[in-house]
């Protein structure tokens, strides 16, 4: 029995992946696209990933994908979304900030708002609370009204 136990430990150590801190570069322009923990050359653990748009994500990765708690920023360093991620998509509770400063607090599944939520203006005043389908309609109406005001 001692041999069997020892063999399992040995196999476990062989299969154990080593986490390192490192930097990944864009092959075309040699700019940094990721800085953080890596396993087998993939983002895995805490890190920062910079998208081609200039937006960036700071948080947890698993197997090269956003996973767990993290914050995505617009390129101007304002927060875009802070909350939970699963397989590179918004999943679970979170807060989404629009570029105009308004924000939505609620739940996501596969990057889609689900269930109930709250929509606030940039000053923290409630615009709408309730079912997500009503909030999405309110967002569309709100954006349409703003465009009407600008172009009249």
N, C-alpha and C. Protein backbone atom coordinates (compact mmCIF):
# COMPACT_ATOMS: atom_id res chain seq x y z
N UNK A 1 0.81 -1.19 0.00
CA UNK A 1 0.00 0.00 0.00
C UNK A 1 0.85 1.25 0.00
N UNK A 2 1.95 1.25 0.67
CA UNK A 2 2.82 2.41 0.70
C UNK A 2 3.32 2.77 -0.69
N UNK A 3 3.62 1.75 -1.52
CA UNK A 3 4.11 1.99 -2.86
C UNK A 3 3.03 2.65 -3.72
N UNK A 4 1.81 2.14 -3.62
CA UNK A 4 0.70 2.67 -4.39
C UNK A 4 0.47 4.15 -4.04
N UNK A 5 0.50 4.46 -2.76
CA UNK A 5 0.30 5.84 -2.30
C UNK A 5 1.41 6.74 -2.83
N UNK A 6 2.64 6.24 -2.79
CA UNK A 6 3.78 7.00 -3.27
C UNK A 6 3.66 7.24 -4.77
N UNK A 7 3.22 6.24 -5.50
CA UNK A 7 3.08 6.36 -6.94
C UNK A 7 2.03 7.43 -7.28
N UNK A 8 0.91 7.46 -6.56
CA UNK A 8 -0.12 8.47 -6.80
C UNK A 8 0.43 9.87 -6.58
N UNK A 9 1.22 10.04 -5.53
CA UNK A 9 1.82 11.34 -5.24
C UNK A 9 2.75 11.74 -6.37
N UNK A 10 3.52 10.78 -6.85
CA UNK A 10 4.45 11.05 -7.95
C UNK A 10 3.69 11.46 -9.20
N UNK A 11 2.61 10.73 -9.53
CA UNK A 11 1.80 11.07 -10.70
C UNK A 11 1.17 12.45 -10.53
N UNK A 12 0.73 12.75 -9.34
CA UNK A 12 0.12 14.04 -9.05
C UNK A 12 1.11 15.17 -9.32
N UNK A 13 2.33 15.01 -8.88
CA UNK A 13 3.36 16.03 -9.09
C UNK A 13 3.71 16.19 -10.57
N UNK A 14 3.71 15.10 -11.31
CA UNK A 14 4.01 15.17 -12.75
C UNK A 14 2.92 15.94 -13.47
N UNK A 15 1.65 15.69 -13.10
CA UNK A 15 0.52 16.32 -13.77
C UNK A 15 0.23 17.73 -13.26
N UNK A 16 0.86 18.13 -12.17
CA UNK A 16 0.62 19.46 -11.61
C UNK A 16 1.15 20.53 -12.55
N UNK A 17 0.30 21.50 -12.84
CA UNK A 17 0.70 22.59 -13.73
C UNK A 17 1.34 23.68 -12.90
N UNK A 18 2.35 24.31 -13.45
CA UNK A 18 3.09 25.34 -12.74
C UNK A 18 2.58 26.71 -13.19
N UNK A 19 2.21 27.53 -12.20
CA UNK A 19 1.73 28.88 -12.47
C UNK A 19 2.91 29.84 -12.35
N UNK A 20 3.06 30.69 -13.37
CA UNK A 20 4.13 31.69 -13.35
C UNK A 20 3.54 33.07 -13.62
N UNK A 21 4.27 34.11 -13.29
CA UNK A 21 3.87 35.46 -13.67
C UNK A 21 4.61 35.79 -14.96
N UNK A 22 3.88 36.41 -15.89
CA UNK A 22 4.51 36.70 -17.16
C UNK A 22 3.78 37.76 -17.95
N UNK A 23 4.26 37.99 -19.16
CA UNK A 23 3.71 39.00 -20.07
C UNK A 23 3.50 38.35 -21.43
N UNK A 24 2.36 38.63 -22.05
CA UNK A 24 2.09 38.19 -23.42
C UNK A 24 2.09 39.41 -24.32
N UNK A 25 2.70 39.26 -25.50
CA UNK A 25 2.81 40.37 -26.45
C UNK A 25 2.00 40.07 -27.70
N UNK A 26 1.52 41.13 -28.35
CA UNK A 26 0.87 41.02 -29.64
C UNK A 26 1.96 40.71 -30.67
N UNK A 27 1.76 39.68 -31.47
CA UNK A 27 2.79 39.26 -32.44
C UNK A 27 2.99 40.29 -33.55
N UNK A 28 1.97 41.07 -33.85
CA UNK A 28 2.06 42.02 -34.96
C UNK A 28 2.81 43.29 -34.57
N UNK A 29 2.41 43.92 -33.46
CA UNK A 29 3.02 45.21 -33.11
C UNK A 29 3.88 45.14 -31.84
N UNK A 30 4.01 43.97 -31.27
CA UNK A 30 4.85 43.73 -30.10
C UNK A 30 4.42 44.51 -28.85
N UNK A 31 3.13 44.94 -28.81
CA UNK A 31 2.62 45.62 -27.62
C UNK A 31 2.16 44.59 -26.59
N UNK A 32 2.23 44.96 -25.33
CA UNK A 32 1.77 44.07 -24.26
C UNK A 32 0.25 43.95 -24.35
N UNK A 33 -0.24 42.70 -24.34
CA UNK A 33 -1.69 42.48 -24.31
C UNK A 33 -2.14 41.83 -23.00
N UNK A 34 -1.20 41.21 -22.27
CA UNK A 34 -1.56 40.58 -21.00
C UNK A 34 -0.36 40.61 -20.07
N UNK A 35 -0.67 40.88 -18.81
CA UNK A 35 0.35 40.83 -17.78
C UNK A 35 -0.28 40.19 -16.56
N UNK A 36 0.29 39.08 -16.10
CA UNK A 36 -0.26 38.40 -14.94
C UNK A 36 0.15 36.96 -14.86
N UNK A 37 -0.68 36.16 -14.22
CA UNK A 37 -0.38 34.75 -14.01
C UNK A 37 -0.71 33.92 -15.25
N UNK A 38 0.16 32.96 -15.51
CA UNK A 38 0.03 32.10 -16.68
C UNK A 38 0.22 30.63 -16.30
N UNK A 39 -0.50 29.77 -16.99
CA UNK A 39 -0.25 28.33 -16.93
C UNK A 39 -0.25 27.84 -18.37
N UNK A 40 0.81 27.17 -18.75
CA UNK A 40 0.96 26.66 -20.13
C UNK A 40 0.76 27.75 -21.17
N UNK A 41 1.23 28.95 -20.90
CA UNK A 41 1.15 30.04 -21.86
C UNK A 41 -0.22 30.69 -21.97
N UNK A 42 -1.17 30.30 -21.10
CA UNK A 42 -2.52 30.88 -21.12
C UNK A 42 -2.73 31.72 -19.86
N UNK A 43 -3.55 32.77 -20.00
CA UNK A 43 -3.93 33.58 -18.84
C UNK A 43 -4.64 32.68 -17.85
N UNK A 44 -4.14 32.61 -16.63
CA UNK A 44 -4.75 31.74 -15.63
C UNK A 44 -4.39 32.26 -14.25
N UNK A 45 -5.37 32.83 -13.56
CA UNK A 45 -5.14 33.47 -12.27
C UNK A 45 -5.41 34.96 -12.41
N UNK A 46 -4.76 35.76 -11.59
CA UNK A 46 -4.95 37.21 -11.61
C UNK A 46 -4.15 37.83 -12.75
N UNK A 47 -4.78 38.78 -13.45
CA UNK A 47 -4.06 39.44 -14.53
C UNK A 47 -4.83 40.59 -15.14
N UNK A 48 -4.17 41.23 -16.11
CA UNK A 48 -4.75 42.35 -16.85
C UNK A 48 -4.60 42.06 -18.34
N UNK A 49 -5.72 42.10 -19.07
CA UNK A 49 -5.73 41.86 -20.50
C UNK A 49 -6.18 43.14 -21.21
N UNK A 50 -5.43 43.56 -22.24
CA UNK A 50 -5.75 44.77 -23.00
C UNK A 50 -6.28 44.37 -24.37
N UNK A 51 -7.50 44.81 -24.69
CA UNK A 51 -8.14 44.49 -25.97
C UNK A 51 -7.65 45.44 -27.06
N UNK A 52 -7.84 45.07 -28.30
CA UNK A 52 -7.40 45.90 -29.44
C UNK A 52 -8.04 47.28 -29.41
N UNK A 53 -9.23 47.39 -28.84
CA UNK A 53 -9.95 48.68 -28.78
C UNK A 53 -9.33 49.64 -27.76
N UNK A 54 -8.49 49.10 -26.88
CA UNK A 54 -7.93 49.90 -25.79
C UNK A 54 -8.64 49.65 -24.48
N UNK A 55 -9.86 49.07 -24.55
CA UNK A 55 -10.55 48.65 -23.32
C UNK A 55 -9.70 47.58 -22.66
N UNK A 56 -9.84 47.40 -21.37
CA UNK A 56 -9.06 46.36 -20.71
C UNK A 56 -9.81 45.74 -19.54
N UNK A 57 -9.38 44.55 -19.16
CA UNK A 57 -10.00 43.77 -18.09
C UNK A 57 -8.95 43.46 -17.04
N UNK A 58 -9.32 43.63 -15.77
CA UNK A 58 -8.46 43.28 -14.65
C UNK A 58 -9.25 42.33 -13.76
N UNK A 59 -8.72 41.14 -13.56
CA UNK A 59 -9.43 40.19 -12.73
C UNK A 59 -8.87 38.79 -12.85
N UNK A 60 -9.76 37.84 -12.71
CA UNK A 60 -9.38 36.42 -12.69
C UNK A 60 -9.61 35.80 -14.07
N UNK A 61 -8.67 34.94 -14.44
CA UNK A 61 -8.75 34.18 -15.68
C UNK A 61 -8.66 32.70 -15.37
N UNK A 62 -9.25 31.88 -16.23
CA UNK A 62 -9.10 30.43 -16.13
C UNK A 62 -9.01 29.90 -17.55
N UNK A 63 -7.93 29.24 -17.84
CA UNK A 63 -7.74 28.66 -19.17
C UNK A 63 -7.84 29.68 -20.30
N UNK A 64 -7.34 30.89 -20.05
CA UNK A 64 -7.33 31.93 -21.08
C UNK A 64 -8.62 32.73 -21.18
N UNK A 65 -9.61 32.45 -20.32
CA UNK A 65 -10.90 33.15 -20.37
C UNK A 65 -11.17 33.89 -19.06
N UNK A 66 -11.93 34.97 -19.15
CA UNK A 66 -12.34 35.68 -17.93
C UNK A 66 -13.24 34.74 -17.13
N UNK A 67 -12.95 34.62 -15.84
CA UNK A 67 -13.66 33.65 -14.99
C UNK A 67 -13.62 34.14 -13.55
N UNK A 68 -14.79 34.30 -12.92
CA UNK A 68 -14.83 34.78 -11.54
C UNK A 68 -14.98 36.29 -11.52
N UNK A 69 -14.48 36.89 -10.46
CA UNK A 69 -14.67 38.33 -10.28
C UNK A 69 -13.66 39.14 -11.09
N UNK A 70 -14.17 40.20 -11.74
CA UNK A 70 -13.28 41.05 -12.52
C UNK A 70 -13.94 42.36 -12.90
N UNK A 71 -13.12 43.27 -13.40
CA UNK A 71 -13.59 44.60 -13.82
C UNK A 71 -13.11 44.86 -15.23
N UNK A 72 -14.04 45.25 -16.10
CA UNK A 72 -13.68 45.66 -17.45
C UNK A 72 -13.77 47.17 -17.52
N UNK A 73 -12.75 47.79 -18.11
CA UNK A 73 -12.67 49.24 -18.21
C UNK A 73 -12.76 49.69 -19.66
N UNK A 74 -13.34 50.89 -19.85
CA UNK A 74 -13.25 51.55 -21.15
C UNK A 74 -11.81 52.03 -21.30
N UNK A 75 -11.39 52.33 -22.52
CA UNK A 75 -10.01 52.77 -22.75
C UNK A 75 -9.69 54.08 -22.03
N UNK A 76 -10.72 54.86 -21.65
CA UNK A 76 -10.48 56.11 -20.92
C UNK A 76 -10.36 55.87 -19.40
N UNK A 77 -10.22 54.61 -19.00
CA UNK A 77 -10.04 54.16 -17.60
C UNK A 77 -11.30 54.22 -16.75
N UNK A 78 -12.45 54.52 -17.34
CA UNK A 78 -13.70 54.46 -16.59
C UNK A 78 -14.19 53.01 -16.60
N UNK A 79 -14.80 52.62 -15.49
CA UNK A 79 -15.29 51.24 -15.38
C UNK A 79 -16.46 51.03 -16.34
N UNK A 80 -16.42 49.90 -17.06
CA UNK A 80 -17.52 49.51 -17.93
C UNK A 80 -18.40 48.48 -17.23
N UNK A 81 -17.79 47.47 -16.63
CA UNK A 81 -18.53 46.41 -15.95
C UNK A 81 -17.69 45.87 -14.81
N UNK A 82 -18.32 45.71 -13.66
CA UNK A 82 -17.64 45.03 -12.56
C UNK A 82 -18.60 43.97 -12.03
N UNK A 83 -18.08 42.76 -11.93
CA UNK A 83 -18.93 41.68 -11.47
C UNK A 83 -18.35 40.33 -11.81
N UNK A 84 -19.24 39.37 -11.97
CA UNK A 84 -18.85 37.98 -12.17
C UNK A 84 -18.82 37.62 -13.66
N UNK A 85 -17.87 36.73 -13.97
CA UNK A 85 -17.67 36.23 -15.33
C UNK A 85 -17.63 34.71 -15.32
N UNK A 86 -18.05 34.11 -16.41
CA UNK A 86 -17.93 32.66 -16.58
C UNK A 86 -17.67 32.39 -18.05
N UNK A 87 -16.59 31.70 -18.32
CA UNK A 87 -16.20 31.35 -19.69
C UNK A 87 -16.21 32.57 -20.61
N UNK A 88 -15.62 33.68 -20.13
CA UNK A 88 -15.42 34.92 -20.89
C UNK A 88 -16.70 35.73 -21.12
N UNK A 89 -17.78 35.41 -20.40
CA UNK A 89 -19.04 36.14 -20.55
C UNK A 89 -19.51 36.62 -19.18
N UNK A 90 -20.24 37.74 -19.18
CA UNK A 90 -20.84 38.21 -17.93
C UNK A 90 -21.83 37.17 -17.46
N UNK A 91 -21.66 36.69 -16.23
CA UNK A 91 -22.55 35.69 -15.64
C UNK A 91 -22.62 35.92 -14.15
N UNK A 92 -23.83 36.05 -13.62
CA UNK A 92 -24.01 36.31 -12.20
C UNK A 92 -24.25 37.79 -11.96
N UNK A 93 -24.00 38.24 -10.74
CA UNK A 93 -24.30 39.63 -10.39
C UNK A 93 -23.23 40.57 -10.91
N UNK A 94 -23.67 41.79 -11.24
CA UNK A 94 -22.71 42.77 -11.72
C UNK A 94 -23.32 44.15 -11.88
N UNK A 95 -22.45 45.07 -12.19
CA UNK A 95 -22.84 46.47 -12.38
C UNK A 95 -22.22 46.93 -13.70
N UNK A 96 -23.07 47.39 -14.62
CA UNK A 96 -22.62 47.84 -15.93
C UNK A 96 -22.78 49.35 -16.02
N UNK A 97 -21.70 50.04 -16.40
CA UNK A 97 -21.70 51.50 -16.53
C UNK A 97 -21.73 51.88 -18.01
N UNK A 98 -22.65 52.76 -18.36
CA UNK A 98 -22.72 53.27 -19.73
C UNK A 98 -21.75 54.44 -19.85
N UNK A 99 -21.36 54.74 -21.07
CA UNK A 99 -20.36 55.79 -21.28
C UNK A 99 -20.84 57.15 -20.77
N UNK A 100 -22.15 57.36 -20.71
CA UNK A 100 -22.68 58.65 -20.22
C UNK A 100 -22.72 58.72 -18.70
N UNK A 101 -22.35 57.63 -18.00
CA UNK A 101 -22.32 57.63 -16.53
C UNK A 101 -23.49 56.90 -15.89
N UNK A 102 -24.57 56.65 -16.64
CA UNK A 102 -25.68 55.87 -16.11
C UNK A 102 -25.19 54.44 -15.85
N UNK A 103 -25.91 53.70 -15.01
CA UNK A 103 -25.48 52.33 -14.74
C UNK A 103 -26.64 51.41 -14.43
N UNK A 104 -26.40 50.13 -14.63
CA UNK A 104 -27.38 49.07 -14.40
C UNK A 104 -26.79 48.10 -13.38
N UNK A 105 -27.60 47.73 -12.38
CA UNK A 105 -27.20 46.71 -11.41
C UNK A 105 -28.16 45.55 -11.56
N UNK A 106 -27.61 44.36 -11.74
CA UNK A 106 -28.48 43.20 -11.90
C UNK A 106 -27.70 41.92 -12.13
N UNK A 107 -28.35 41.03 -12.87
CA UNK A 107 -27.78 39.71 -13.12
C UNK A 107 -27.66 39.44 -14.61
N UNK A 108 -26.65 38.64 -14.96
CA UNK A 108 -26.39 38.26 -16.34
C UNK A 108 -26.31 36.75 -16.46
N UNK A 109 -26.64 36.28 -17.65
CA UNK A 109 -26.38 34.89 -18.01
C UNK A 109 -25.93 34.91 -19.47
N UNK A 110 -24.73 34.42 -19.71
CA UNK A 110 -24.15 34.41 -21.07
C UNK A 110 -24.19 35.79 -21.73
N UNK A 111 -23.78 36.80 -20.98
CA UNK A 111 -23.68 38.19 -21.45
C UNK A 111 -25.02 38.90 -21.61
N UNK A 112 -26.12 38.26 -21.27
CA UNK A 112 -27.45 38.87 -21.39
C UNK A 112 -27.98 39.20 -20.00
N UNK A 113 -28.63 40.37 -19.87
CA UNK A 113 -29.28 40.72 -18.61
C UNK A 113 -30.46 39.77 -18.41
N UNK A 114 -30.63 39.29 -17.17
CA UNK A 114 -31.74 38.38 -16.85
C UNK A 114 -32.36 38.75 -15.51
N UNK A 115 -33.61 38.35 -15.32
CA UNK A 115 -34.27 38.54 -14.03
C UNK A 115 -34.65 39.99 -13.78
N UNK A 116 -34.42 40.41 -12.57
CA UNK A 116 -34.75 41.78 -12.16
C UNK A 116 -33.47 42.61 -12.07
N UNK A 117 -33.63 43.91 -12.21
CA UNK A 117 -32.47 44.79 -12.13
C UNK A 117 -32.88 46.21 -11.84
N UNK A 118 -31.87 47.07 -11.78
CA UNK A 118 -32.09 48.48 -11.47
C UNK A 118 -31.26 49.34 -12.42
N UNK A 119 -31.90 50.35 -13.00
CA UNK A 119 -31.23 51.27 -13.91
C UNK A 119 -31.18 52.64 -13.23
N UNK A 120 -29.98 53.21 -13.14
CA UNK A 120 -29.76 54.50 -12.47
C UNK A 120 -29.15 55.50 -13.43
N UNK A 121 -29.42 56.78 -13.18
CA UNK A 121 -28.72 57.80 -13.95
C UNK A 121 -27.36 58.05 -13.29
N UNK A 122 -26.55 58.87 -13.92
CA UNK A 122 -25.17 59.09 -13.43
C UNK A 122 -25.12 59.72 -12.04
N UNK A 123 -26.23 60.34 -11.59
CA UNK A 123 -26.28 60.96 -10.26
C UNK A 123 -26.79 59.99 -9.19
N UNK A 124 -27.08 58.74 -9.59
CA UNK A 124 -27.57 57.75 -8.64
C UNK A 124 -29.08 57.76 -8.45
N UNK A 125 -29.78 58.55 -9.28
CA UNK A 125 -31.25 58.58 -9.20
C UNK A 125 -31.81 57.39 -9.99
N UNK A 126 -32.81 56.74 -9.41
CA UNK A 126 -33.40 55.56 -10.06
C UNK A 126 -34.18 55.98 -11.30
N UNK A 127 -33.88 55.32 -12.42
CA UNK A 127 -34.64 55.51 -13.65
C UNK A 127 -35.73 54.45 -13.72
N UNK A 128 -35.34 53.20 -13.43
CA UNK A 128 -36.29 52.09 -13.52
C UNK A 128 -35.81 50.93 -12.66
N UNK A 129 -36.74 50.27 -11.96
CA UNK A 129 -36.47 49.06 -11.19
C UNK A 129 -37.49 48.03 -11.62
N UNK A 130 -37.03 46.81 -11.85
CA UNK A 130 -37.99 45.77 -12.20
C UNK A 130 -37.41 44.72 -13.10
N UNK A 131 -38.31 44.14 -13.89
CA UNK A 131 -37.93 43.08 -14.81
C UNK A 131 -36.98 43.63 -15.87
N UNK A 132 -36.02 42.83 -16.24
CA UNK A 132 -34.99 43.26 -17.20
C UNK A 132 -35.60 43.66 -18.54
N UNK A 133 -36.65 42.98 -18.99
CA UNK A 133 -37.25 43.35 -20.28
C UNK A 133 -37.78 44.79 -20.24
N UNK A 134 -38.35 45.19 -19.10
CA UNK A 134 -38.81 46.58 -18.95
C UNK A 134 -37.63 47.55 -18.93
N UNK A 135 -36.57 47.15 -18.27
CA UNK A 135 -35.39 48.02 -18.17
C UNK A 135 -34.73 48.19 -19.53
N UNK A 136 -34.64 47.11 -20.31
CA UNK A 136 -34.04 47.20 -21.64
C UNK A 136 -34.88 48.14 -22.52
N UNK A 137 -36.22 48.05 -22.42
CA UNK A 137 -37.10 48.96 -23.15
C UNK A 137 -36.85 50.40 -22.70
N UNK A 138 -36.71 50.61 -21.40
CA UNK A 138 -36.44 51.95 -20.85
C UNK A 138 -35.11 52.49 -21.38
N UNK A 139 -34.09 51.61 -21.44
CA UNK A 139 -32.78 52.03 -21.96
C UNK A 139 -32.91 52.49 -23.41
N UNK A 140 -33.64 51.73 -24.21
CA UNK A 140 -33.81 52.08 -25.63
C UNK A 140 -34.56 53.40 -25.76
N UNK A 141 -35.65 53.56 -25.01
CA UNK A 141 -36.41 54.82 -25.05
C UNK A 141 -35.56 55.99 -24.59
N UNK A 142 -34.79 55.79 -23.55
CA UNK A 142 -33.94 56.83 -23.00
C UNK A 142 -32.91 57.27 -24.05
N UNK A 143 -32.29 56.29 -24.70
CA UNK A 143 -31.29 56.62 -25.73
C UNK A 143 -31.94 57.31 -26.92
N UNK A 144 -33.13 56.88 -27.32
CA UNK A 144 -33.83 57.51 -28.44
C UNK A 144 -34.18 58.95 -28.07
N UNK A 145 -34.68 59.19 -26.85
CA UNK A 145 -35.01 60.54 -26.41
C UNK A 145 -33.81 61.44 -26.41
N UNK A 146 -32.66 60.95 -25.98
CA UNK A 146 -31.43 61.75 -25.98
C UNK A 146 -31.04 62.12 -27.41
N UNK A 147 -31.16 61.18 -28.34
CA UNK A 147 -30.81 61.46 -29.74
C UNK A 147 -31.75 62.51 -30.31
N UNK A 148 -33.06 62.41 -29.98
CA UNK A 148 -34.03 63.40 -30.46
C UNK A 148 -33.65 64.79 -29.98
N UNK A 149 -33.23 64.90 -28.73
CA UNK A 149 -32.87 66.19 -28.18
C UNK A 149 -31.64 66.76 -28.86
N UNK A 150 -30.70 65.91 -29.18
CA UNK A 150 -29.44 66.36 -29.77
C UNK A 150 -29.63 66.81 -31.21
N UNK A 151 -30.45 66.10 -31.96
CA UNK A 151 -30.56 66.39 -33.40
C UNK A 151 -31.69 67.34 -33.77
N UNK A 152 -32.49 67.80 -32.82
CA UNK A 152 -33.58 68.73 -33.14
C UNK A 152 -33.09 70.14 -33.29
